[in-house]
Amino acid sequence: MMSFYNGPNERSIGVTYTNDFVAYGLPGLKTSLWYIKGMGIDGSHYAGGPNGIYTSVLKQQGESHYEVGAYASYTVQSGTFKNISLSSSYSWHRASEYQLEGNLEEFRLIVNVPIKVF
């Protein structure tokens, strides 16, 4: 997730679908899709922190945002490269005007190579 979904008075709801492809004869392949929506962000009654910290939330009234993402990973099951995994994810976040995180897109590619030290 790209957002914490913890704005003032924020409510959120999310849906996730995850699949392990062992049942389809592809051990080591896993995927996940998600959608999360945050709404009702309202910082208009914020009293302010020390030295005016977090005053930007005063502009937030009825703000909302959502995120959609996809994740896929594959772990090699046997051979020389056993247990090496490759994973990638792509997510995009869209927000209304004063929601703090704004519009973002992120792609991650991770290669995990376990090394036995002892």
PDB file of N, CA and C in Angstrom:
ATOM      1  N   MET A   1       0.837  -1.183   0.000  1.00  0.00           N
ATOM      2  CA  MET A   1       0.000   0.000   0.000  1.00  0.00           C
ATOM      3  C   MET A   1       0.878   1.241   0.000  1.00  0.00           C
ATOM      4  N   MET A   2       0.419   2.236  -0.694  1.00  0.00           N
ATOM      5  CA  MET A   2       1.160   3.481  -0.763  1.00  0.00           C
ATOM      6  C   MET A   2       0.679   4.491   0.273  1.00  0.00           C
ATOM      7  N   SER A   3      -0.481   4.293   0.832  1.00  0.00           N
ATOM      8  CA  SER A   3      -1.040   5.223   1.811  1.00  0.00           C
ATOM      9  C   SER A   3      -1.320   4.483   3.109  1.00  0.00           C
ATOM     10  N   PHE A   4      -1.355   5.224   4.205  1.00  0.00           N
ATOM     11  CA  PHE A   4      -1.686   4.625   5.504  1.00  0.00           C
ATOM     12  C   PHE A   4      -3.189   4.657   5.781  1.00  0.00           C
ATOM     13  N   TYR A   5      -3.945   5.451   5.050  1.00  0.00           N
ATOM     14  CA  TYR A   5      -5.397   5.564   5.232  1.00  0.00           C
ATOM     15  C   TYR A   5      -5.737   5.908   6.683  1.00  0.00           C
ATOM     16  N   ASN A   6      -5.063   6.923   7.203  1.00  0.00           N
ATOM     17  CA  ASN A   6      -5.283   7.337   8.583  1.00  0.00           C
ATOM     18  C   ASN A   6      -5.454   8.851   8.709  1.00  0.00           C
ATOM     19  N   GLY A   7      -6.080   9.472   7.705  1.00  0.00           N
ATOM     20  CA  GLY A   7      -6.342  10.904   7.769  1.00  0.00           C
ATOM     21  C   GLY A   7      -7.360  11.215   8.855  1.00  0.00           C
ATOM     22  N   PRO A   8      -7.503  12.485   9.221  1.00  0.00           N
ATOM     23  CA  PRO A   8      -8.467  12.844  10.259  1.00  0.00           C
ATOM     24  C   PRO A   8      -9.889  12.427   9.872  1.00  0.00           C
ATOM     25  N   ASN A   9     -10.526  11.662  10.733  1.00  0.00           N
ATOM     26  CA  ASN A   9     -11.901  11.172  10.548  1.00  0.00           C
ATOM     27  C   ASN A   9     -12.071  10.281   9.315  1.00  0.00           C
ATOM     28  N   GLU A  10     -10.997   9.757   8.799  1.00  0.00           N
ATOM     29  CA  GLU A  10     -11.063   8.945   7.576  1.00  0.00           C
ATOM     30  C   GLU A  10     -11.646   7.558   7.847  1.00  0.00           C
ATOM     31  N   ARG A  11     -12.455   7.117   6.913  1.00  0.00           N
ATOM     32  CA  ARG A  11     -12.963   5.743   6.886  1.00  0.00           C
ATOM     33  C   ARG A  11     -12.399   5.101   5.622  1.00  0.00           C
ATOM     34  N   SER A  12     -12.103   3.810   5.706  1.00  0.00           N
ATOM     35  CA  SER A  12     -11.562   3.146   4.520  1.00  0.00           C
ATOM     36  C   SER A  12     -12.137   1.744   4.391  1.00  0.00           C
ATOM     37  N   ILE A  13     -12.108   1.275   3.162  1.00  0.00           N
ATOM     38  CA  ILE A  13     -12.568  -0.075   2.863  1.00  0.00           C
ATOM     39  C   ILE A  13     -11.655  -0.624   1.767  1.00  0.00           C
ATOM     40  N   GLY A  14     -11.389  -1.917   1.818  1.00  0.00           N
ATOM     41  CA  GLY A  14     -10.504  -2.507   0.829  1.00  0.00           C
ATOM     42  C   GLY A  14     -10.913  -3.918   0.464  1.00  0.00           C
ATOM     43  N   VAL A  15     -10.496  -4.329  -0.714  1.00  0.00           N
ATOM     44  CA  VAL A  15     -10.749  -5.676  -1.217  1.00  0.00           C
ATOM     45  C   VAL A  15      -9.424  -6.201  -1.764  1.00  0.00           C
ATOM     46  N   THR A  16      -9.102  -7.445  -1.426  1.00  0.00           N
ATOM     47  CA  THR A  16      -7.877  -8.074  -1.916  1.00  0.00           C
ATOM     48  C   THR A  16      -8.201  -9.457  -2.469  1.00  0.00           C
ATOM     49  N   TYR A  17      -7.582  -9.798  -3.585  1.00  0.00           N
ATOM     50  CA  TYR A  17      -7.696 -11.146  -4.145  1.00  0.00           C
ATOM     51  C   TYR A  17      -6.284 -11.696  -4.286  1.00  0.00           C
ATOM     52  N   THR A  18      -6.024 -12.826  -3.657  1.00  0.00           N
ATOM     53  CA  THR A  18      -4.706 -13.452  -3.693  1.00  0.00           C
ATOM     54  C   THR A  18      -4.836 -14.865  -4.245  1.00  0.00           C
ATOM     55  N   ASN A  19      -3.876 -15.264  -5.069  1.00  0.00           N
ATOM     56  CA  ASN A  19      -3.919 -16.598  -5.663  1.00  0.00           C
ATOM     57  C   ASN A  19      -2.539 -17.244  -5.600  1.00  0.00           C
ATOM     58  N   ASP A  20      -2.497 -18.473  -5.110  1.00  0.00           N
ATOM     59  CA  ASP A  20      -1.299 -19.303  -5.137  1.00  0.00           C
ATOM     60  C   ASP A  20      -1.536 -20.341  -6.235  1.00  0.00           C
ATOM     61  N   PHE A  21      -0.680 -20.369  -7.221  1.00  0.00           N
ATOM     62  CA  PHE A  21      -0.915 -21.169  -8.421  1.00  0.00           C
ATOM     63  C   PHE A  21      -0.510 -22.629  -8.298  1.00  0.00           C
ATOM     64  N   VAL A  22      -0.251 -23.119  -7.089  1.00  0.00           N
ATOM     65  CA  VAL A  22       0.065 -24.539  -6.895  1.00  0.00           C
ATOM     66  C   VAL A  22      -1.065 -25.403  -7.436  1.00  0.00           C
ATOM     67  N   ALA A  23      -2.297 -25.007  -7.170  1.00  0.00           N
ATOM     68  CA  ALA A  23      -3.461 -25.784  -7.612  1.00  0.00           C
ATOM     69  C   ALA A  23      -3.557 -25.871  -9.138  1.00  0.00           C
ATOM     70  N   TYR A  24      -2.894 -24.956  -9.839  1.00  0.00           N
ATOM     71  CA  TYR A  24      -2.935 -24.943 -11.302  1.00  0.00           C
ATOM     72  C   TYR A  24      -1.671 -25.551 -11.912  1.00  0.00           C
ATOM     73  N   GLY A  25      -0.855 -26.184 -11.069  1.00  0.00           N
ATOM     74  CA  GLY A  25       0.358 -26.823 -11.557  1.00  0.00           C
ATOM     75  C   GLY A  25       1.539 -25.890 -11.723  1.00  0.00           C
ATOM     76  N   LEU A  26       1.488 -24.706 -11.113  1.00  0.00           N
ATOM     77  CA  LEU A  26       2.585 -23.746 -11.195  1.00  0.00           C
ATOM     78  C   LEU A  26       3.082 -23.391  -9.793  1.00  0.00           C
ATOM     79  N   PRO A  27       3.756 -24.322  -9.121  1.00  0.00           N
ATOM     80  CA  PRO A  27       4.236 -24.018  -7.771  1.00  0.00           C
ATOM     81  C   PRO A  27       5.263 -22.887  -7.799  1.00  0.00           C
ATOM     82  N   GLY A  28       5.193 -22.028  -6.820  1.00  0.00           N
ATOM     83  CA  GLY A  28       6.118 -20.906  -6.729  1.00  0.00           C
ATOM     84  C   GLY A  28       5.564 -19.605  -7.265  1.00  0.00           C
ATOM     85  N   LEU A  29       4.473 -19.653  -8.016  1.00  0.00           N
ATOM     86  CA  LEU A  29       3.872 -18.438  -8.572  1.00  0.00           C
ATOM     87  C   LEU A  29       2.722 -17.978  -7.681  1.00  0.00           C
ATOM     88  N   LYS A  30       2.765 -16.710  -7.285  1.00  0.00           N
ATOM     89  CA  LYS A  30       1.704 -16.125  -6.459  1.00  0.00           C
ATOM     90  C   LYS A  30       1.362 -14.748  -7.008  1.00  0.00           C
ATOM     91  N   THR A  31       0.086 -14.398  -6.940  1.00  0.00           N
ATOM     92  CA  THR A  31      -0.355 -13.075  -7.376  1.00  0.00           C
ATOM     93  C   THR A  31      -1.324 -12.486  -6.363  1.00  0.00           C
ATOM     94  N   SER A  32      -1.439 -11.182  -6.405  1.00  0.00           N
ATOM     95  CA  SER A  32      -2.379 -10.487  -5.535  1.00  0.00           C
ATOM     96  C   SER A  32      -2.831  -9.205  -6.226  1.00  0.00           C
ATOM     97  N   LEU A  33      -4.105  -8.905  -6.110  1.00  0.00           N
ATOM     98  CA  LEU A  33      -4.688  -7.660  -6.621  1.00  0.00           C
ATOM     99  C   LEU A  33      -5.407  -6.990  -5.465  1.00  0.00           C
ATOM    100  N   TRP A  34      -5.377  -5.654  -5.397  1.00  0.00           N
ATOM    101  CA  TRP A  34      -6.086  -4.977  -4.313  1.00  0.00           C
ATOM    102  C   TRP A  34      -6.647  -3.635  -4.751  1.00  0.00           C
ATOM    103  N   TYR A  35      -7.687  -3.252  -4.046  1.00  0.00           N
ATOM    104  CA  TYR A  35      -8.323  -1.944  -4.210  1.00  0.00           C
ATOM    105  C   TYR A  35      -8.663  -1.448  -2.807  1.00  0.00           C
ATOM    106  N   ILE A  36      -8.268  -0.226  -2.498  1.00  0.00           N
ATOM    107  CA  ILE A  36      -8.558   0.377  -1.196  1.00  0.00           C
ATOM    108  C   ILE A  36      -9.074   1.786  -1.440  1.00  0.00           C
ATOM    109  N   LYS A  37     -10.124   2.159  -0.730  1.00  0.00           N
ATOM    110  CA  LYS A  37     -10.687   3.509  -0.845  1.00  0.00           C
ATOM    111  C   LYS A  37     -10.779   4.125   0.535  1.00  0.00           C
ATOM    112  N   GLY A  38     -10.276   5.343   0.645  1.00  0.00           N
ATOM    113  CA  GLY A  38     -10.401   6.129   1.871  1.00  0.00           C
ATOM    114  C   GLY A  38     -11.301   7.316   1.589  1.00  0.00           C
ATOM    115  N   MET A  39     -12.206   7.621   2.529  1.00  0.00           N
ATOM    116  CA  MET A  39     -13.158   8.707   2.275  1.00  0.00           C
ATOM    117  C   MET A  39     -13.504   9.427   3.573  1.00  0.00           C
ATOM    118  N   GLY A  40     -14.116  10.576   3.420  1.00  0.00           N
ATOM    119  CA  GLY A  40     -14.579  11.339   4.576  1.00  0.00           C
ATOM    120  C   GLY A  40     -13.464  12.016   5.349  1.00  0.00           C
ATOM    121  N   ILE A  41     -12.341  12.278   4.719  1.00  0.00           N
ATOM    122  CA  ILE A  41     -11.228  12.925   5.411  1.00  0.00           C
ATOM    123  C   ILE A  41     -11.633  14.361   5.719  1.00  0.00           C
ATOM    124  N   ASP A  42     -11.585  14.721   6.989  1.00  0.00           N
ATOM    125  CA  ASP A  42     -12.027  16.056   7.406  1.00  0.00           C
ATOM    126  C   ASP A  42     -11.153  16.556   8.546  1.00  0.00           C
ATOM    127  N   GLY A  43     -10.260  17.462   8.230  1.00  0.00           N
ATOM    128  CA  GLY A  43      -9.394  18.067   9.240  1.00  0.00           C
ATOM    129  C   GLY A  43      -9.777  19.497   9.537  1.00  0.00           C
ATOM    130  N   SER A  44     -10.961  19.906   9.104  1.00  0.00           N
ATOM    131  CA  SER A  44     -11.358  21.313   9.242  1.00  0.00           C
ATOM    132  C   SER A  44     -11.522  21.758  10.693  1.00  0.00           C
ATOM    133  N   HIS A  45     -11.661  20.827  11.623  1.00  0.00           N
ATOM    134  CA  HIS A  45     -11.827  21.193  13.036  1.00  0.00           C
ATOM    135  C   HIS A  45     -10.553  20.948  13.838  1.00  0.00           C
ATOM    136  N   TYR A  46      -9.450  20.754  13.157  1.00  0.00           N
ATOM    137  CA  TYR A  46      -8.180  20.479  13.831  1.00  0.00           C
ATOM    138  C   TYR A  46      -7.734  21.708  14.610  1.00  0.00           C
ATOM    139  N   ALA A  47      -7.340  21.509  15.860  1.00  0.00           N
ATOM    140  CA  ALA A  47      -6.970  22.632  16.733  1.00  0.00           C
ATOM    141  C   ALA A  47      -5.518  23.063  16.550  1.00  0.00           C
ATOM    142  N   GLY A  48      -4.728  22.301  15.856  1.00  0.00           N
ATOM    143  CA  GLY A  48      -3.335  22.676  15.617  1.00  0.00           C
ATOM    144  C   GLY A  48      -2.400  22.047  16.618  1.00  0.00           C
ATOM    145  N   GLY A  49      -1.191  21.816  16.183  1.00  0.00           N
ATOM    146  CA  GLY A  49      -0.177  21.240  17.051  1.00  0.00           C
ATOM    147  C   GLY A  49       0.819  22.304  17.456  1.00  0.00           C
ATOM    148  N   PRO A  50       1.841  21.907  18.188  1.00  0.00           N
ATOM    149  CA  PRO A  50       2.862  22.873  18.579  1.00  0.00           C
ATOM    150  C   PRO A  50       3.539  23.464  17.343  1.00  0.00           C
ATOM    151  N   ASN A  51       3.736  24.753  17.369  1.00  0.00           N
ATOM    152  CA  ASN A  51       4.395  25.478  16.272  1.00  0.00           C
ATOM    153  C   ASN A  51       3.655  25.359  14.945  1.00  0.00           C
ATOM    154  N   GLY A  52       2.360  25.126  14.990  1.00  0.00           N
ATOM    155  CA  GLY A  52       1.571  25.068  13.764  1.00  0.00           C
ATOM    156  C   GLY A  52       1.784  23.822  12.932  1.00  0.00           C
ATOM    157  N   ILE A  53       2.305  22.767  13.559  1.00  0.00           N
ATOM    158  CA  ILE A  53       2.543  21.518  12.829  1.00  0.00           C
ATOM    159  C   ILE A  53       1.210  20.933  12.372  1.00  0.00           C
ATOM    160  N   TYR A  54       1.190  20.387  11.207  1.00  0.00           N
ATOM    161  CA  TYR A  54       0.034  19.713  10.607  1.00  0.00           C
ATOM    162  C   TYR A  54      -1.102  20.671  10.237  1.00  0.00           C
ATOM    163  N   THR A  55      -0.828  21.940  10.062  1.00  0.00           N
ATOM    164  CA  THR A  55      -1.901  22.870   9.701  1.00  0.00           C
ATOM    165  C   THR A  55      -2.453  22.602   8.303  1.00  0.00           C
ATOM    166  N   SER A  56      -1.725  21.842   7.483  1.00  0.00           N
ATOM    167  CA  SER A  56      -2.217  21.553   6.134  1.00  0.00           C
ATOM    168  C   SER A  56      -3.506  20.736   6.163  1.00  0.00           C
ATOM    169  N   VAL A  57      -3.794  20.049   7.270  1.00  0.00           N
ATOM    170  CA  VAL A  57      -5.027  19.262   7.330  1.00  0.00           C
ATOM    171  C   VAL A  57      -6.265  20.149   7.439  1.00  0.00           C
ATOM    172  N   LEU A  58      -6.101  21.414   7.771  1.00  0.00           N
ATOM    173  CA  LEU A  58      -7.254  22.315   7.882  1.00  0.00           C
ATOM    174  C   LEU A  58      -7.987  22.467   6.553  1.00  0.00           C
ATOM    175  N   LYS A  59      -7.287  22.286   5.441  1.00  0.00           N
ATOM    176  CA  LYS A  59      -7.907  22.389   4.116  1.00  0.00           C
ATOM    177  C   LYS A  59      -8.701  21.140   3.757  1.00  0.00           C
ATOM    178  N   GLN A  60      -8.491  20.061   4.484  1.00  0.00           N
ATOM    179  CA  GLN A  60      -9.135  18.794   4.153  1.00  0.00           C
ATOM    180  C   GLN A  60     -10.561  18.759   4.684  1.00  0.00           C
ATOM    181  N   GLN A  61     -11.488  18.734   3.760  1.00  0.00           N
ATOM    182  CA  GLN A  61     -12.897  18.623   4.135  1.00  0.00           C
ATOM    183  C   GLN A  61     -13.596  17.794   3.061  1.00  0.00           C
ATOM    184  N   GLY A  62     -13.978  16.578   3.428  1.00  0.00           N
ATOM    185  CA  GLY A  62     -14.630  15.686   2.469  1.00  0.00           C
ATOM    186  C   GLY A  62     -13.680  15.114   1.439  1.00  0.00           C
ATOM    187  N   GLU A  63     -12.403  15.040   1.761  1.00  0.00           N
ATOM    188  CA  GLU A  63     -11.416  14.514   0.809  1.00  0.00           C
ATOM    189  C   GLU A  63     -11.504  12.992   0.727  1.00  0.00           C
ATOM    190  N   SER A  64     -10.999  12.443  -0.369  1.00  0.00           N
ATOM    191  CA  SER A  64     -11.000  10.989  -0.561  1.00  0.00           C
ATOM    192  C   SER A  64      -9.808  10.598  -1.426  1.00  0.00           C
ATOM    193  N   HIS A  65      -9.519   9.321  -1.426  1.00  0.00           N
ATOM    194  CA  HIS A  65      -8.461   8.792  -2.281  1.00  0.00           C
ATOM    195  C   HIS A  65      -8.657   7.291  -2.427  1.00  0.00           C
ATOM    196  N   TYR A  66      -8.011   6.717  -3.448  1.00  0.00           N
ATOM    197  CA  TYR A  66      -8.086   5.270  -3.639  1.00  0.00           C
ATOM    198  C   TYR A  66      -6.773   4.771  -4.217  1.00  0.00           C
ATOM    199  N   GLU A  67      -6.576   3.470  -4.085  1.00  0.00           N
ATOM    200  CA  GLU A  67      -5.360   2.830  -4.568  1.00  0.00           C
ATOM    201  C   GLU A  67      -5.721   1.496  -5.208  1.00  0.00           C
ATOM    202  N   VAL A  68      -5.086   1.211  -6.328  1.00  0.00           N
ATOM    203  CA  VAL A  68      -5.254  -0.058  -7.021  1.00  0.00           C
ATOM    204  C   VAL A  68      -3.856  -0.628  -7.231  1.00  0.00           C
ATOM    205  N   GLY A  69      -3.698  -1.919  -6.986  1.00  0.00           N
ATOM    206  CA  GLY A  69      -2.370  -2.488  -7.138  1.00  0.00           C
ATOM    207  C   GLY A  69      -2.392  -3.943  -7.549  1.00  0.00           C
ATOM    208  N   ALA A  70      -1.257  -4.377  -8.077  1.00  0.00           N
ATOM    209  CA  ALA A  70      -1.076  -5.771  -8.482  1.00  0.00           C
ATOM    210  C   ALA A  70       0.321  -6.212  -8.075  1.00  0.00           C
ATOM    211  N   TYR A  71       0.417  -7.462  -7.643  1.00  0.00           N
ATOM    212  CA  TYR A  71       1.685  -8.021  -7.178  1.00  0.00           C
ATOM    213  C   TYR A  71       1.816  -9.431  -7.744  1.00  0.00           C
ATOM    214  N   ALA A  72       3.007  -9.773  -8.202  1.00  0.00           N
ATOM    215  CA  ALA A  72       3.272 -11.128  -8.680  1.00  0.00           C
ATOM    216  C   ALA A  72       4.660 -11.544  -8.216  1.00  0.00           C
ATOM    217  N   SER A  73       4.789 -12.813  -7.820  1.00  0.00           N
ATOM    218  CA  SER A  73       6.103 -13.314  -7.422  1.00  0.00           C
ATOM    219  C   SER A  73       6.264 -14.760  -7.885  1.00  0.00           C
ATOM    220  N   TYR A  74       7.503 -15.102  -8.138  1.00  0.00           N
ATOM    221  CA  TYR A  74       7.821 -16.479  -8.497  1.00  0.00           C
ATOM    222  C   TYR A  74       9.081 -16.893  -7.752  1.00  0.00           C
ATOM    223  N   THR A  75       9.029 -18.061  -7.132  1.00  0.00           N
ATOM    224  CA  THR A  75      10.175 -18.635  -6.431  1.00  0.00           C
ATOM    225  C   THR A  75      10.575 -19.923  -7.141  1.00  0.00           C
ATOM    226  N   VAL A  76      11.840 -20.004  -7.526  1.00  0.00           N
ATOM    227  CA  VAL A  76      12.354 -21.193  -8.203  1.00  0.00           C
ATOM    228  C   VAL A  76      12.290 -22.361  -7.228  1.00  0.00           C
ATOM    229  N   GLN A  77      11.753 -23.483  -7.685  1.00  0.00           N
ATOM    230  CA  GLN A  77      11.484 -24.621  -6.813  1.00  0.00           C
ATOM    231  C   GLN A  77      12.617 -25.638  -6.727  1.00  0.00           C
ATOM    232  N   SER A  78      13.480 -25.707  -7.738  1.00  0.00           N
ATOM    233  CA  SER A  78      14.536 -26.727  -7.720  1.00  0.00           C
ATOM    234  C   SER A  78      15.701 -26.280  -8.592  1.00  0.00           C
ATOM    235  N   GLY A  79      16.784 -27.034  -8.503  1.00  0.00           N
ATOM    236  CA  GLY A  79      17.940 -26.757  -9.343  1.00  0.00           C
ATOM    237  C   GLY A  79      18.918 -25.786  -8.702  1.00  0.00           C
ATOM    238  N   THR A  80      19.827 -25.285  -9.512  1.00  0.00           N
ATOM    239  CA  THR A  80      20.882 -24.382  -9.054  1.00  0.00           C
ATOM    240  C   THR A  80      20.329 -23.121  -8.414  1.00  0.00           C
ATOM    241  N   PHE A  81      19.233 -22.612  -8.917  1.00  0.00           N
ATOM    242  CA  PHE A  81      18.671 -21.350  -8.433  1.00  0.00           C
ATOM    243  C   PHE A  81      17.512 -21.540  -7.456  1.00  0.00           C
ATOM    244  N   LYS A  82      17.430 -22.710  -6.841  1.00  0.00           N
ATOM    245  CA  LYS A  82      16.339 -23.014  -5.907  1.00  0.00           C
ATOM    246  C   LYS A  82      16.243 -21.933  -4.820  1.00  0.00           C
ATOM    247  N   ASN A  83      15.014 -21.538  -4.527  1.00  0.00           N
ATOM    248  CA  ASN A  83      14.655 -20.545  -3.500  1.00  0.00           C
ATOM    249  C   ASN A  83      14.956 -19.097  -3.880  1.00  0.00           C
ATOM    250  N   ILE A  84      15.486 -18.845  -5.061  1.00  0.00           N
ATOM    251  CA  ILE A  84      15.633 -17.464  -5.521  1.00  0.00           C
ATOM    252  C   ILE A  84      14.266 -17.003  -6.005  1.00  0.00           C
ATOM    253  N   SER A  85      13.884 -15.814  -5.596  1.00  0.00           N
ATOM    254  CA  SER A  85      12.558 -15.329  -5.995  1.00  0.00           C
ATOM    255  C   SER A  85      12.654 -13.978  -6.686  1.00  0.00           C
ATOM    256  N   LEU A  86      11.726 -13.767  -7.569  1.00  0.00           N
ATOM    257  CA  LEU A  86      11.585 -12.516  -8.303  1.00  0.00           C
ATOM    258  C   LEU A  86      10.164 -12.035  -8.072  1.00  0.00           C
ATOM    259  N   SER A  87      10.020 -10.807  -7.640  1.00  0.00           N
ATOM    260  CA  SER A  87       8.672 -10.274  -7.437  1.00  0.00           C
ATOM    261  C   SER A  87       8.582  -8.871  -8.004  1.00  0.00           C
ATOM    262  N   SER A  88       7.390  -8.525  -8.423  1.00  0.00           N
ATOM    263  CA  SER A  88       7.151  -7.184  -8.950  1.00  0.00           C
ATOM    264  C   SER A  88       5.777  -6.720  -8.493  1.00  0.00           C
ATOM    265  N   SER A  89       5.660  -5.420  -8.354  1.00  0.00           N
ATOM    266  CA  SER A  89       4.360  -4.851  -8.006  1.00  0.00           C
ATOM    267  C   SER A  89       4.208  -3.509  -8.702  1.00  0.00           C
ATOM    268  N   TYR A  90       2.985  -3.186  -8.986  1.00  0.00           N
ATOM    269  CA  TYR A  90       2.653  -1.891  -9.571  1.00  0.00           C
ATOM    270  C   TYR A  90       1.405  -1.392  -8.861  1.00  0.00           C
ATOM    271  N   SER A  91       1.456  -0.175  -8.394  1.00  0.00           N
ATOM    272  CA  SER A  91       0.270   0.388  -7.749  1.00  0.00           C
ATOM    273  C   SER A  91       0.132   1.848  -8.132  1.00  0.00           C
ATOM    274  N   TRP A  92      -1.111   2.295  -8.159  1.00  0.00           N
ATOM    275  CA  TRP A  92      -1.380   3.693  -8.439  1.00  0.00           C
ATOM    276  C   TRP A  92      -2.378   4.209  -7.422  1.00  0.00           C
ATOM    277  N   HIS A  93      -2.145   5.443  -7.037  1.00  0.00           N
ATOM    278  CA  HIS A  93      -2.917   6.096  -5.984  1.00  0.00           C
ATOM    279  C   HIS A  93      -3.470   7.393  -6.569  1.00  0.00           C
ATOM    280  N   ARG A  94      -4.755   7.595  -6.449  1.00  0.00           N
ATOM    281  CA  ARG A  94      -5.397   8.814  -6.936  1.00  0.00           C
ATOM    282  C   ARG A  94      -6.107   9.493  -5.777  1.00  0.00           C
ATOM    283  N   ALA A  95      -5.989  10.813  -5.735  1.00  0.00           N
ATOM    284  CA  ALA A  95      -6.506  11.555  -4.588  1.00  0.00           C
ATOM    285  C   ALA A  95      -7.224  12.825  -5.019  1.00  0.00           C
ATOM    286  N   SER A  96      -8.137  13.268  -4.155  1.00  0.00           N
ATOM    287  CA  SER A  96      -8.796  14.552  -4.383  1.00  0.00           C
ATOM    288  C   SER A  96      -7.810  15.683  -4.056  1.00  0.00           C
ATOM    289  N   GLU A  97      -8.215  16.899  -4.277  1.00  0.00           N
ATOM    290  CA  GLU A  97      -7.307  18.048  -4.288  1.00  0.00           C
ATOM    291  C   GLU A  97      -6.444  18.205  -3.038  1.00  0.00           C
ATOM    292  N   TYR A  98      -7.010  18.124  -1.857  1.00  0.00           N
ATOM    293  CA  TYR A  98      -6.240  18.409  -0.645  1.00  0.00           C
ATOM    294  C   TYR A  98      -5.820  17.161   0.129  1.00  0.00           C
ATOM    295  N   GLN A  99      -6.043  15.982  -0.408  1.00  0.00           N
ATOM    296  CA  GLN A  99      -5.558  14.775   0.260  1.00  0.00           C
ATOM    297  C   GLN A  99      -4.031  14.796   0.170  1.00  0.00           C
ATOM    298  N   LEU A 100      -3.348  14.548   1.275  1.00  0.00           N
ATOM    299  CA  LEU A 100      -1.922  14.851   1.379  1.00  0.00           C
ATOM    300  C   LEU A 100      -1.004  14.076   0.441  1.00  0.00           C
ATOM    301  N   GLU A 101      -1.270  12.802   0.181  1.00  0.00           N
ATOM    302  CA  GLU A 101      -0.334  12.024  -0.627  1.00  0.00           C
ATOM    303  C   GLU A 101      -0.408  12.337  -2.115  1.00  0.00           C
ATOM    304  N   GLY A 102      -1.521  12.821  -2.588  1.00  0.00           N
ATOM    305  CA  GLY A 102      -1.639  13.180  -3.989  1.00  0.00           C
ATOM    306  C   GLY A 102      -1.691  11.980  -4.920  1.00  0.00           C
ATOM    307  N   ASN A 103      -1.463  12.231  -6.199  1.00  0.00           N
ATOM    308  CA  ASN A 103      -1.496  11.184  -7.219  1.00  0.00           C
ATOM    309  C   ASN A 103      -0.101  10.590  -7.381  1.00  0.00           C
ATOM    310  N   LEU A 104      -0.006   9.279  -7.206  1.00  0.00           N
ATOM    311  CA  LEU A 104       1.282   8.592  -7.265  1.00  0.00           C
ATOM    312  C   LEU A 104       1.165   7.313  -8.069  1.00  0.00           C
ATOM    313  N   GLU A 105       2.276   6.903  -8.662  1.00  0.00           N
ATOM    314  CA  GLU A 105       2.373   5.592  -9.294  1.00  0.00           C
ATOM    315  C   GLU A 105       3.723   5.013  -8.905  1.00  0.00           C
ATOM    316  N   GLU A 106       3.753   3.695  -8.675  1.00  0.00           N
ATOM    317  CA  GLU A 106       4.992   3.079  -8.226  1.00  0.00           C
ATOM    318  C   GLU A 106       5.135   1.680  -8.815  1.00  0.00           C
ATOM    319  N   PHE A 107       6.324   1.396  -9.324  1.00  0.00           N
ATOM    320  CA  PHE A 107       6.666   0.057  -9.802  1.00  0.00           C
ATOM    321  C   PHE A 107       7.851  -0.435  -8.987  1.00  0.00           C
ATOM    322  N   ARG A 108       7.763  -1.665  -8.500  1.00  0.00           N
ATOM    323  CA  ARG A 108       8.866  -2.262  -7.745  1.00  0.00           C
ATOM    324  C   ARG A 108       9.233  -3.601  -8.369  1.00  0.00           C
ATOM    325  N   LEU A 109      10.529  -3.832  -8.449  1.00  0.00           N
ATOM    326  CA  LEU A 109      11.052  -5.110  -8.914  1.00  0.00           C
ATOM    327  C   LEU A 109      12.070  -5.564  -7.877  1.00  0.00           C
ATOM    328  N   ILE A 110      11.855  -6.750  -7.310  1.00  0.00           N
ATOM    329  CA  ILE A 110      12.703  -7.235  -6.222  1.00  0.00           C
ATOM    330  C   ILE A 110      13.224  -8.621  -6.574  1.00  0.00           C
ATOM    331  N   VAL A 111      14.527  -8.794  -6.445  1.00  0.00           N
ATOM    332  CA  VAL A 111      15.156 -10.099  -6.601  1.00  0.00           C
ATOM    333  C   VAL A 111      15.675 -10.497  -5.227  1.00  0.00           C
ATOM    334  N   ASN A 112      15.254 -11.650  -4.742  1.00  0.00           N
ATOM    335  CA  ASN A 112      15.650 -12.126  -3.426  1.00  0.00           C
ATOM    336  C   ASN A 112      16.527 -13.365  -3.598  1.00  0.00           C
ATOM    337  N   VAL A 113      17.791 -13.232  -3.208  1.00  0.00           N
ATOM    338  CA  VAL A 113      18.744 -14.334  -3.314  1.00  0.00           C
ATOM    339  C   VAL A 113      19.189 -14.702  -1.902  1.00  0.00           C
ATOM    340  N   PRO A 114      18.666 -15.800  -1.356  1.00  0.00           N
ATOM    341  CA  PRO A 114      19.077 -16.188  -0.004  1.00  0.00           C
ATOM    342  C   PRO A 114      20.527 -16.681   0.004  1.00  0.00           C
ATOM    343  N   ILE A 115      21.273 -16.221   0.990  1.00  0.00           N
ATOM    344  CA  ILE A 115      22.677 -16.611   1.123  1.00  0.00           C
ATOM    345  C   ILE A 115      22.860 -17.273   2.480  1.00  0.00           C
ATOM    346  N   LYS A 116      23.378 -18.475   2.466  1.00  0.00           N
ATOM    347  CA  LYS A 116      23.633 -19.187   3.717  1.00  0.00           C
ATOM    348  C   LYS A 116      24.998 -18.738   4.240  1.00  0.00           C
ATOM    349  N   VAL A 117      25.001 -18.101   5.412  1.00  0.00           N
ATOM    350  CA  VAL A 117      26.233 -17.572   5.983  1.00  0.00           C
ATOM    351  C   VAL A 117      26.932 -18.626   6.833  1.00  0.00           C
ATOM    352  N   PHE A 118      26.196 -19.332   7.644  1.00  0.00           N
ATOM    353  CA  PHE A 118      26.796 -20.349   8.530  1.00  0.00           C
ATOM    354  C   PHE A 118      26.215 -21.705   8.253  1.00  0.00           C
TER     355      PHE A 118
END
